[in-house]
C-alpha atoms as a PDB file:
ATOM      1  CA  MET A   1      18.428-272.918 -38.779  1.00  0.00           C
ATOM      2  CA  GLU A   2      16.480-270.704 -41.142  1.00  0.00           C
ATOM      3  CA  ARG A   3      18.111-267.538 -42.397  1.00  0.00           C
ATOM      4  CA  SER A   4      16.388-264.229 -41.853  1.00  0.00           C
ATOM      5  CA  LEU A   5      14.824-262.285 -44.696  1.00  0.00           C
ATOM      6  CA  LEU A   6      17.666-259.766 -44.554  1.00  0.00           C
ATOM      7  CA  GLN A   7      20.271-262.537 -44.911  1.00  0.00           C
ATOM      8  CA  ARG A   8      18.427-263.964 -47.911  1.00  0.00           C
ATOM      9  CA  ILE A   9      18.190-260.487 -49.470  1.00  0.00           C
ATOM     10  CA  GLU A  10      21.910-259.846 -48.897  1.00  0.00           C
ATOM     11  CA  ALA A  11      22.748-263.141 -50.637  1.00  0.00           C
ATOM     12  CA  PHE A  12      20.432-262.215 -53.512  1.00  0.00           C
ATOM     13  CA  LEU A  13      22.024-258.781 -53.891  1.00  0.00           C
ATOM     14  CA  LYS A  14      25.429-260.398 -54.160  1.00  0.00           C
ATOM     15  CA  GLU A  15      24.149-263.008 -56.646  1.00  0.00           C
ATOM     16  CA  SER A  16      22.322-260.501 -58.835  1.00  0.00           C
ATOM     17  CA  ALA A  17      24.779-257.588 -58.587  1.00  0.00           C
ATOM     18  CA  MET A  18      21.719-255.435 -57.939  1.00  0.00           C
ATOM     19  CA  PRO A  19      22.049-252.299 -55.796  1.00  0.00           C
ATOM     20  CA  PRO A  20      19.884-252.286 -52.652  1.00  0.00           C
ATOM     21  CA  SER A  21      17.750-249.348 -53.780  1.00  0.00           C
ATOM     22  CA  VAL A  22      17.023-250.961 -57.153  1.00  0.00           C
ATOM     23  CA  PHE A  23      16.075-254.189 -55.394  1.00  0.00           C
ATOM     24  CA  GLY A  24      13.757-252.423 -52.957  1.00  0.00           C
ATOM     25  CA  ARG A  25      12.079-250.471 -55.721  1.00  0.00           C
ATOM     26  CA  ALA A  26      11.567-253.568 -57.886  1.00  0.00           C
ATOM     27  CA  ALA A  27      10.514-255.930 -55.104  1.00  0.00           C
ATOM     28  CA  ALA A  28       8.338-253.694 -52.960  1.00  0.00           C
ATOM     29  CA  ARG A  29       8.204-250.197 -54.508  1.00  0.00           C
ATOM     30  CA  ASP A  30      10.319-249.028 -51.571  1.00  0.00           C
ATOM     31  CA  PRO A  31      13.880-247.914 -52.400  1.00  0.00           C
ATOM     32  CA  ARG A  32      14.720-247.760 -48.676  1.00  0.00           C
ATOM     33  CA  LEU A  33      13.603-251.325 -47.949  1.00  0.00           C
ATOM     34  CA  VAL A  34      17.051-252.873 -47.550  1.00  0.00           C
ATOM     35  CA  SER A  35      18.369-249.881 -45.634  1.00  0.00           C
ATOM     36  CA  ASP A  36      15.418-250.028 -43.258  1.00  0.00           C
ATOM     37  CA  LEU A  37      15.816-253.800 -42.765  1.00  0.00           C
ATOM     38  CA  ARG A  38      19.496-253.286 -41.984  1.00  0.00           C
ATOM     39  CA  GLY A  39      18.401-250.688 -39.442  1.00  0.00           C
ATOM     40  CA  GLY A  40      16.062-253.092 -37.650  1.00  0.00           C
ATOM     41  CA  ARG A  41      12.745-252.831 -39.507  1.00  0.00           C
ATOM     42  CA  GLU A  42      10.614-255.960 -39.040  1.00  0.00           C
ATOM     43  CA  PRO A  43       8.778-256.884 -42.254  1.00  0.00           C
ATOM     44  CA  GLY A  44       5.267-258.262 -42.121  1.00  0.00           C
ATOM     45  CA  LEU A  45       4.174-261.512 -43.720  1.00  0.00           C
ATOM     46  CA  ASP A  46       2.855-259.716 -46.813  1.00  0.00           C
ATOM     47  CA  MET A  47       6.174-257.920 -47.377  1.00  0.00           C
ATOM     48  CA  THR A  48       8.148-261.125 -46.809  1.00  0.00           C
ATOM     49  CA  CYS A  49       6.021-263.006 -49.355  1.00  0.00           C
ATOM     50  CA  ARG A  50       6.302-260.190 -51.905  1.00  0.00           C
ATOM     51  CA  VAL A  51      10.099-260.022 -51.581  1.00  0.00           C
ATOM     52  CA  GLU A  52      10.497-263.818 -51.707  1.00  0.00           C
ATOM     53  CA  HIS A  53       8.291-263.948 -54.802  1.00  0.00           C
ATOM     54  CA  PHE A  54      10.389-261.293 -56.525  1.00  0.00           C
ATOM     55  CA  MET A  55      13.654-263.128 -55.793  1.00  0.00           C
ATOM     56  CA  ASN A  56      12.249-266.500 -56.898  1.00  0.00           C
ATOM     57  CA  LYS A  57      10.815-265.019 -60.098  1.00  0.00           C
ATOM     58  CA  TRP A  58      14.101-263.256 -60.907  1.00  0.00           C
ATOM     59  CA  ARG A  59      16.064-266.480 -60.396  1.00  0.00           C
ATOM     60  CA  ALA A  60      13.648-268.455 -62.584  1.00  0.00           C
ATOM     61  CA  GLU A  61      13.874-265.866 -65.362  1.00  0.00           C
ATOM     62  CA  ARG A  62      17.658-265.815 -65.104  1.00  0.00           C
ATOM     63  CA  HIS A  63      17.783-269.610 -65.270  1.00  0.00           C
ATOM     64  CA  ALA A  64      15.637-269.436 -68.410  1.00  0.00           C
ATOM     65  CA  GLY A  65      18.066-266.904 -69.895  1.00  0.00           C
ATOM     66  CA  HIS A  66      15.739-263.899 -69.801  1.00  0.00           C
ATOM     67  CA  VAL A  67      17.622-261.855 -67.187  1.00  0.00           C
ATOM     68  CA  VAL A  68      21.261-260.986 -66.687  1.00  0.00           C
ATOM     69  CA  PRO A  69      22.716-259.537 -63.493  1.00  0.00           C
ATOM     70  CA  GLN A  70      22.043-255.828 -63.503  1.00  0.00           C
ATOM     71  CA  GLY A  71      23.549-252.912 -61.726  1.00  0.00           C
ATOM     72  CA  ASP A  72      22.696-249.274 -61.579  1.00  0.00           C
ATOM     73  CA  ARG A  73      23.646-246.758 -64.261  1.00  0.00           C
ATOM     74  CA  ARG A  74      27.146-246.305 -62.878  1.00  0.00           C
ATOM     75  CA  THR A  75      28.035-250.003 -63.029  1.00  0.00           C
ATOM     76  CA  ARG A  76      26.534-250.405 -66.507  1.00  0.00           C
ATOM     77  CA  ALA A  77      28.606-247.460 -67.738  1.00  0.00           C
ATOM     78  CA  PHE A  78      31.688-248.939 -66.093  1.00  0.00           C
ATOM     79  CA  ARG A  79      31.068-252.264 -67.855  1.00  0.00           C
ATOM     80  CA  ARG A  80      30.780-250.467 -71.201  1.00  0.00           C
ATOM     81  CA  ILE A  81      34.090-248.721 -70.556  1.00  0.00           C
ATOM     82  CA  GLU A  82      35.743-252.042 -69.629  1.00  0.00           C
ATOM     83  CA  GLN A  83      34.361-253.744 -72.726  1.00  0.00           C
ATOM     84  CA  GLY A  84      35.593-250.882 -74.903  1.00  0.00           C
ATOM     85  CA  ALA A  85      39.074-251.192 -73.406  1.00  0.00           C
ATOM     86  CA  ARG A  86      39.180-254.905 -74.261  1.00  0.00           C
ATOM     87  CA  ALA A  87      38.224-254.360 -77.898  1.00  0.00           C
END
């Protein structure tokens, strides 16, 4: 059974630690993409291909060591605070 695009995106968000709005903006220039998909939006073939390409490219770059999991500004600031507490 093939997973839906939304299920694949949800798995990617968990893997990448990327907020949904950041993902939507990067993958499709639509910060509400994930929210709309969760609400029942049906993506077309072009949108599906664009999103799949983004996820595959991100994974390939991460495997090559060019990308680290990213969050939004709040999570990056939180990580800096945690790292400062450890030092």
